[in-house]
PDB file of N, CA and C in Angstrom:
ATOM      1  N   MET A   1      13.363  -4.228   6.326  1.00  0.00           N
ATOM      2  CA  MET A   1      12.385  -3.776   5.345  1.00  0.00           C
ATOM      3  C   MET A   1      12.943  -4.073   3.958  1.00  0.00           C
ATOM      4  N   GLY A   2      12.062  -4.498   3.069  1.00  0.00           N
ATOM      5  CA  GLY A   2      12.456  -4.783   1.694  1.00  0.00           C
ATOM      6  C   GLY A   2      12.187  -3.598   0.792  1.00  0.00           C
ATOM      7  N   ASP A   3      11.793  -3.859  -0.450  1.00  0.00           N
ATOM      8  CA  ASP A   3      11.451  -2.782  -1.383  1.00  0.00           C
ATOM      9  C   ASP A   3      10.241  -2.026  -0.832  1.00  0.00           C
ATOM     10  N   TYR A   4      10.182  -0.750  -1.127  1.00  0.00           N
ATOM     11  CA  TYR A   4       9.057   0.036  -0.652  1.00  0.00           C
ATOM     12  C   TYR A   4       8.840   1.242  -1.550  1.00  0.00           C
ATOM     13  N   PHE A   5       7.673   1.853  -1.373  1.00  0.00           N
ATOM     14  CA  PHE A   5       7.386   3.121  -2.037  1.00  0.00           C
ATOM     15  C   PHE A   5       6.599   3.979  -1.067  1.00  0.00           C
ATOM     16  N   ILE A   6       6.572   5.270  -1.342  1.00  0.00           N
ATOM     17  CA  ILE A   6       5.895   6.225  -0.474  1.00  0.00           C
ATOM     18  C   ILE A   6       4.825   6.938  -1.289  1.00  0.00           C
ATOM     19  N   VAL A   7       3.622   7.050  -0.709  1.00  0.00           N
ATOM     20  CA  VAL A   7       2.512   7.748  -1.357  1.00  0.00           C
ATOM     21  C   VAL A   7       2.209   9.000  -0.549  1.00  0.00           C
ATOM     22  N   ARG A   8       2.187  10.110  -1.236  1.00  0.00           N
ATOM     23  CA  ARG A   8       1.764  11.374  -0.627  1.00  0.00           C
ATOM     24  C   ARG A   8       0.750  11.990  -1.575  1.00  0.00           C
ATOM     25  N   GLY A   9      -0.529  11.965  -1.152  1.00  0.00           N
ATOM     26  CA  GLY A   9      -1.588  12.443  -2.036  1.00  0.00           C
ATOM     27  C   GLY A   9      -1.672  11.546  -3.251  1.00  0.00           C
ATOM     28  N   GLY A  10      -1.505  12.112  -4.429  1.00  0.00           N
ATOM     29  CA  GLY A  10      -1.564  11.345  -5.674  1.00  0.00           C
ATOM     30  C   GLY A  10      -0.194  11.021  -6.244  1.00  0.00           C
ATOM     31  N   ARG A  11       0.872  11.186  -5.456  1.00  0.00           N
ATOM     32  CA  ARG A  11       2.232  10.964  -5.965  1.00  0.00           C
ATOM     33  C   ARG A  11       2.879   9.753  -5.298  1.00  0.00           C
ATOM     34  N   ILE A  12       3.529   8.940  -6.114  1.00  0.00           N
ATOM     35  CA  ILE A  12       4.254   7.774  -5.615  1.00  0.00           C
ATOM     36  C   ILE A  12       5.743   8.008  -5.817  1.00  0.00           C
ATOM     37  N   SER A  13       6.517   7.791  -4.764  1.00  0.00           N
ATOM     38  CA  SER A  13       7.984   7.851  -4.842  1.00  0.00           C
ATOM     39  C   SER A  13       8.527   6.453  -4.582  1.00  0.00           C
ATOM     40  N   ILE A  14       9.439   6.016  -5.424  1.00  0.00           N
ATOM     41  CA  ILE A  14      10.083   4.718  -5.243  1.00  0.00           C
ATOM     42  C   ILE A  14      11.564   5.002  -4.981  1.00  0.00           C
ATOM     43  N   PRO A  15      11.946   5.159  -3.700  1.00  0.00           N
ATOM     44  CA  PRO A  15      13.298   5.593  -3.360  1.00  0.00           C
ATOM     45  C   PRO A  15      14.425   4.681  -3.847  1.00  0.00           C
ATOM     46  N   GLU A  16      14.221   3.392  -3.857  1.00  0.00           N
ATOM     47  CA  GLU A  16      15.293   2.478  -4.260  1.00  0.00           C
ATOM     48  C   GLU A  16      15.373   2.287  -5.769  1.00  0.00           C
ATOM     49  N   GLY A  17      14.449   2.883  -6.519  1.00  0.00           N
ATOM     50  CA  GLY A  17      14.524   2.832  -7.971  1.00  0.00           C
ATOM     51  C   GLY A  17      13.710   1.752  -8.649  1.00  0.00           C
ATOM     52  N   HIS A  18      13.143   0.800  -7.905  1.00  0.00           N
ATOM     53  CA  HIS A  18      12.298  -0.224  -8.531  1.00  0.00           C
ATOM     54  C   HIS A  18      11.315  -0.799  -7.517  1.00  0.00           C
ATOM     55  N   PHE A  19      10.228  -1.342  -8.047  1.00  0.00           N
ATOM     56  CA  PHE A  19       9.227  -2.034  -7.237  1.00  0.00           C
ATOM     57  C   PHE A  19       8.506  -2.974  -8.188  1.00  0.00           C
ATOM     58  N   CYS A  20       8.192  -4.161  -7.752  1.00  0.00           N
ATOM     59  CA  CYS A  20       7.549  -5.157  -8.600  1.00  0.00           C
ATOM     60  C   CYS A  20       6.236  -4.626  -9.186  1.00  0.00           C
ATOM     61  N   TYR A  21       6.099  -4.735 -10.488  1.00  0.00           N
ATOM     62  CA  TYR A  21       4.909  -4.266 -11.199  1.00  0.00           C
ATOM     63  C   TYR A  21       3.649  -4.955 -10.684  1.00  0.00           C
ATOM     64  N   TRP A  22       3.694  -6.263 -10.497  1.00  0.00           N
ATOM     65  CA  TRP A  22       2.520  -7.029 -10.064  1.00  0.00           C
ATOM     66  C   TRP A  22       2.151  -6.671  -8.632  1.00  0.00           C
ATOM     67  N   ALA A  23       3.124  -6.501  -7.785  1.00  0.00           N
ATOM     68  CA  ALA A  23       2.855  -6.115  -6.404  1.00  0.00           C
ATOM     69  C   ALA A  23       2.237  -4.715  -6.364  1.00  0.00           C
ATOM     70  N   LEU A  24       2.780  -3.796  -7.137  1.00  0.00           N
ATOM     71  CA  LEU A  24       2.259  -2.436  -7.179  1.00  0.00           C
ATOM     72  C   LEU A  24       0.814  -2.429  -7.659  1.00  0.00           C
ATOM     73  N   ASN A  25       0.501  -3.205  -8.688  1.00  0.00           N
ATOM     74  CA  ASN A  25      -0.868  -3.274  -9.202  1.00  0.00           C
ATOM     75  C   ASN A  25      -1.851  -3.851  -8.189  1.00  0.00           C
ATOM     76  N   SER A  26      -1.399  -4.728  -7.326  1.00  0.00           N
ATOM     77  CA  SER A  26      -2.314  -5.317  -6.347  1.00  0.00           C
ATOM     78  C   SER A  26      -2.648  -4.339  -5.223  1.00  0.00           C
ATOM     79  N   ILE A  27      -1.776  -3.392  -4.952  1.00  0.00           N
ATOM     80  CA  ILE A  27      -1.994  -2.477  -3.835  1.00  0.00           C
ATOM     81  C   ILE A  27      -2.566  -1.122  -4.273  1.00  0.00           C
ATOM     82  N   LEU A  28      -2.380  -0.751  -5.533  1.00  0.00           N
ATOM     83  CA  LEU A  28      -2.834   0.559  -6.013  1.00  0.00           C
ATOM     84  C   LEU A  28      -4.318   0.848  -5.761  1.00  0.00           C
ATOM     85  N   PRO A  29      -5.240  -0.091  -5.972  1.00  0.00           N
ATOM     86  CA  PRO A  29      -6.650   0.228  -5.738  1.00  0.00           C
ATOM     87  C   PRO A  29      -6.974   0.571  -4.279  1.00  0.00           C
ATOM     88  N   LEU A  30      -6.165   0.122  -3.341  1.00  0.00           N
ATOM     89  CA  LEU A  30      -6.431   0.388  -1.928  1.00  0.00           C
ATOM     90  C   LEU A  30      -5.915   1.750  -1.461  1.00  0.00           C
ATOM     91  N   LEU A  31      -4.972   2.323  -2.160  1.00  0.00           N
ATOM     92  CA  LEU A  31      -4.328   3.548  -1.690  1.00  0.00           C
ATOM     93  C   LEU A  31      -5.280   4.736  -1.526  1.00  0.00           C
ATOM     94  N   PRO A  32      -6.184   5.014  -2.473  1.00  0.00           N
ATOM     95  CA  PRO A  32      -7.118   6.121  -2.236  1.00  0.00           C
ATOM     96  C   PRO A  32      -8.018   5.868  -1.019  1.00  0.00           C
ATOM     97  N   ALA A  33      -8.423   4.635  -0.827  1.00  0.00           N
ATOM     98  CA  ALA A  33      -9.282   4.314   0.313  1.00  0.00           C
ATOM     99  C   ALA A  33      -8.534   4.496   1.631  1.00  0.00           C
ATOM    100  N   LYS A  34      -7.260   4.174   1.666  1.00  0.00           N
ATOM    101  CA  LYS A  34      -6.479   4.332   2.885  1.00  0.00           C
ATOM    102  C   LYS A  34      -6.216   5.800   3.205  1.00  0.00           C
ATOM    103  N   GLN A  35      -6.330   6.681   2.225  1.00  0.00           N
ATOM    104  CA  GLN A  35      -6.064   8.094   2.449  1.00  0.00           C
ATOM    105  C   GLN A  35      -7.317   8.871   2.884  1.00  0.00           C
ATOM    106  N   ARG A  36      -8.478   8.235   2.828  1.00  0.00           N
ATOM    107  CA  ARG A  36      -9.699   8.942   3.225  1.00  0.00           C
ATOM    108  C   ARG A  36      -9.891   8.849   4.734  1.00  0.00           C
ATOM    109  N   LYS A  37     -10.857   9.617   5.234  1.00  0.00           N
ATOM    110  CA  LYS A  37     -11.177   9.584   6.649  1.00  0.00           C
ATOM    111  C   LYS A  37     -11.750   8.214   6.993  1.00  0.00           C
ATOM    112  N   LEU A  38     -11.210   7.560   7.993  1.00  0.00           N
ATOM    113  CA  LEU A  38     -11.587   6.190   8.338  1.00  0.00           C
ATOM    114  C   LEU A  38     -12.281   6.157   9.698  1.00  0.00           C
ATOM    115  N   ASP A  39     -13.549   6.529   9.739  1.00  0.00           N
ATOM    116  CA  ASP A  39     -14.229   6.548  11.032  1.00  0.00           C
ATOM    117  C   ASP A  39     -15.601   5.879  11.049  1.00  0.00           C
ATOM    118  N   GLU A  40     -15.968   5.197   9.995  1.00  0.00           N
ATOM    119  CA  GLU A  40     -17.251   4.491   9.971  1.00  0.00           C
ATOM    120  C   GLU A  40     -17.140   3.231  10.835  1.00  0.00           C
ATOM    121  N   PRO A  41     -18.144   2.919  11.657  1.00  0.00           N
ATOM    122  CA  PRO A  41     -18.049   1.770  12.562  1.00  0.00           C
ATOM    123  C   PRO A  41     -17.895   0.412  11.867  1.00  0.00           C
ATOM    124  N   ASP A  42     -18.479   0.236  10.683  1.00  0.00           N
ATOM    125  CA  ASP A  42     -18.398  -1.053   9.995  1.00  0.00           C
ATOM    126  C   ASP A  42     -17.330  -1.075   8.902  1.00  0.00           C
ATOM    127  N   ASP A  43     -16.460  -0.078   8.868  1.00  0.00           N
ATOM    128  CA  ASP A  43     -15.428   0.034   7.827  1.00  0.00           C
ATOM    129  C   ASP A  43     -14.276  -0.923   8.132  1.00  0.00           C
ATOM    130  N   TRP A  44     -13.907  -1.749   7.168  1.00  0.00           N
ATOM    131  CA  TRP A  44     -12.818  -2.706   7.361  1.00  0.00           C
ATOM    132  C   TRP A  44     -11.451  -2.089   7.083  1.00  0.00           C
ATOM    133  N   MET A  45     -11.412  -0.928   6.460  1.00  0.00           N
ATOM    134  CA  MET A  45     -10.134  -0.305   6.095  1.00  0.00           C
ATOM    135  C   MET A  45      -9.223   0.026   7.284  1.00  0.00           C
ATOM    136  N   PRO A  46      -9.755   0.509   8.427  1.00  0.00           N
ATOM    137  CA  PRO A  46      -8.841   0.856   9.526  1.00  0.00           C
ATOM    138  C   PRO A  46      -8.080  -0.345  10.101  1.00  0.00           C
ATOM    139  N   THR A  47      -8.571  -1.554   9.863  1.00  0.00           N
ATOM    140  CA  THR A  47      -7.920  -2.731  10.444  1.00  0.00           C
ATOM    141  C   THR A  47      -7.151  -3.559   9.420  1.00  0.00           C
ATOM    142  N   THR A  48      -7.136  -3.146   8.177  1.00  0.00           N
ATOM    143  CA  THR A  48      -6.467  -3.907   7.129  1.00  0.00           C
ATOM    144  C   THR A  48      -5.203  -3.171   6.697  1.00  0.00           C
ATOM    145  N   TRP A  49      -4.048  -3.800   6.938  1.00  0.00           N
ATOM    146  CA  TRP A  49      -2.770  -3.149   6.630  1.00  0.00           C
ATOM    147  C   TRP A  49      -1.854  -4.024   5.786  1.00  0.00           C
ATOM    148  N   GLU A  50      -2.298  -5.202   5.401  1.00  0.00           N
ATOM    149  CA  GLU A  50      -1.465  -6.096   4.602  1.00  0.00           C
ATOM    150  C   GLU A  50      -2.173  -6.489   3.312  1.00  0.00           C
ATOM    151  N   VAL A  51      -1.381  -6.624   2.241  1.00  0.00           N
ATOM    152  CA  VAL A  51      -1.885  -7.009   0.923  1.00  0.00           C
ATOM    153  C   VAL A  51      -0.925  -8.051   0.363  1.00  0.00           C
ATOM    154  N   GLN A  52      -1.462  -9.114  -0.218  1.00  0.00           N
ATOM    155  CA  GLN A  52      -0.616 -10.135  -0.812  1.00  0.00           C
ATOM    156  C   GLN A  52      -0.495  -9.902  -2.309  1.00  0.00           C
ATOM    157  N   CYS A  53       0.714  -9.993  -2.819  1.00  0.00           N
ATOM    158  CA  CYS A  53       0.965  -9.888  -4.253  1.00  0.00           C
ATOM    159  C   CYS A  53       0.360 -11.108  -4.947  1.00  0.00           C
ATOM    160  N   PRO A  54      -0.266 -10.935  -6.120  1.00  0.00           N
ATOM    161  CA  PRO A  54      -0.896 -12.059  -6.802  1.00  0.00           C
ATOM    162  C   PRO A  54       0.084 -12.990  -7.520  1.00  0.00           C
ATOM    163  N   ASP A  55       1.357 -12.638  -7.591  1.00  0.00           N
ATOM    164  CA  ASP A  55       2.352 -13.481  -8.262  1.00  0.00           C
ATOM    165  C   ASP A  55       2.521 -14.783  -7.484  1.00  0.00           C
ATOM    166  N   PRO A  56       2.147 -15.943  -8.060  1.00  0.00           N
ATOM    167  CA  PRO A  56       2.229 -17.202  -7.316  1.00  0.00           C
ATOM    168  C   PRO A  56       3.653 -17.620  -6.976  1.00  0.00           C
ATOM    169  N   LYS A  57       4.641 -17.097  -7.668  1.00  0.00           N
ATOM    170  CA  LYS A  57       6.031 -17.433  -7.368  1.00  0.00           C
ATOM    171  C   LYS A  57       6.602 -16.573  -6.236  1.00  0.00           C
ATOM    172  N   GLY A  58       5.996 -15.429  -6.005  1.00  0.00           N
ATOM    173  CA  GLY A  58       6.559 -14.484  -5.062  1.00  0.00           C
ATOM    174  C   GLY A  58       6.168 -14.673  -3.611  1.00  0.00           C
ATOM    175  N   ARG A  59       4.877 -14.927  -3.370  1.00  0.00           N
ATOM    176  CA  ARG A  59       4.348 -15.018  -2.009  1.00  0.00           C
ATOM    177  C   ARG A  59       4.763 -13.808  -1.163  1.00  0.00           C
ATOM    178  N   VAL A  60       4.661 -12.649  -1.750  1.00  0.00           N
ATOM    179  CA  VAL A  60       5.049 -11.414  -1.082  1.00  0.00           C
ATOM    180  C   VAL A  60       3.854 -10.825  -0.352  1.00  0.00           C
ATOM    181  N   ILE A  61       4.039 -10.488   0.902  1.00  0.00           N
ATOM    182  CA  ILE A  61       3.037  -9.784   1.690  1.00  0.00           C
ATOM    183  C   ILE A  61       3.550  -8.363   1.877  1.00  0.00           C
ATOM    184  N   MET A  62       2.739  -7.389   1.443  1.00  0.00           N
ATOM    185  CA  MET A  62       3.121  -5.989   1.588  1.00  0.00           C
ATOM    186  C   MET A  62       2.370  -5.405   2.768  1.00  0.00           C
ATOM    187  N   GLN A  63       3.028  -4.535   3.488  1.00  0.00           N
ATOM    188  CA  GLN A  63       2.424  -3.891   4.634  1.00  0.00           C
ATOM    189  C   GLN A  63       2.303  -2.399   4.365  1.00  0.00           C
ATOM    190  N   MET A  64       1.117  -1.853   4.605  1.00  0.00           N
ATOM    191  CA  MET A  64       0.892  -0.412   4.450  1.00  0.00           C
ATOM    192  C   MET A  64       1.111   0.234   5.812  1.00  0.00           C
ATOM    193  N   ILE A  65       2.036   1.162   5.865  1.00  0.00           N
ATOM    194  CA  ILE A  65       2.371   1.823   7.138  1.00  0.00           C
ATOM    195  C   ILE A  65       2.111   3.324   6.972  1.00  0.00           C
ATOM    196  N   PRO A  66       1.202   3.886   7.763  1.00  0.00           N
ATOM    197  CA  PRO A  66       0.956   5.321   7.653  1.00  0.00           C
ATOM    198  C   PRO A  66       2.157   6.102   8.167  1.00  0.00           C
ATOM    199  N   ILE A  67       2.476   7.191   7.495  1.00  0.00           N
ATOM    200  CA  ILE A  67       3.558   8.066   7.933  1.00  0.00           C
ATOM    201  C   ILE A  67       3.003   9.467   8.117  1.00  0.00           C
ATOM    202  N   ASP A  68       3.694  10.255   8.865  1.00  0.00           N
ATOM    203  CA  ASP A  68       3.275  11.638   9.072  1.00  0.00           C
ATOM    204  C   ASP A  68       3.429  12.403   7.765  1.00  0.00           C
ATOM    205  N   PRO A  69       2.408  13.190   7.399  1.00  0.00           N
ATOM    206  CA  PRO A  69       2.522  14.003   6.175  1.00  0.00           C
ATOM    207  C   PRO A  69       3.569  15.092   6.369  1.00  0.00           C
ATOM    208  N   GLU A  70       4.248  15.398   5.285  1.00  0.00           N
ATOM    209  CA  GLU A  70       5.262  16.464   5.338  1.00  0.00           C
ATOM    210  C   GLU A  70       4.756  17.710   4.680  1.00  0.00           C
TER     211      GLU A  70
END
């Protein structure tokens, strides 16, 4: 696993101390949608877990992994 951050509700924790600004901006709009109830039959959110960073030099693919709430 590379750089990562953890979202709990409206709070983001970056345990390693940094995360790419451009990568974070590309994934932020999806986070509220991933936290809602995902049970609509035509909803694409339950099957989408990867986001590509828009930085053309990076070619970074980020994976969203659900964790148990604490």
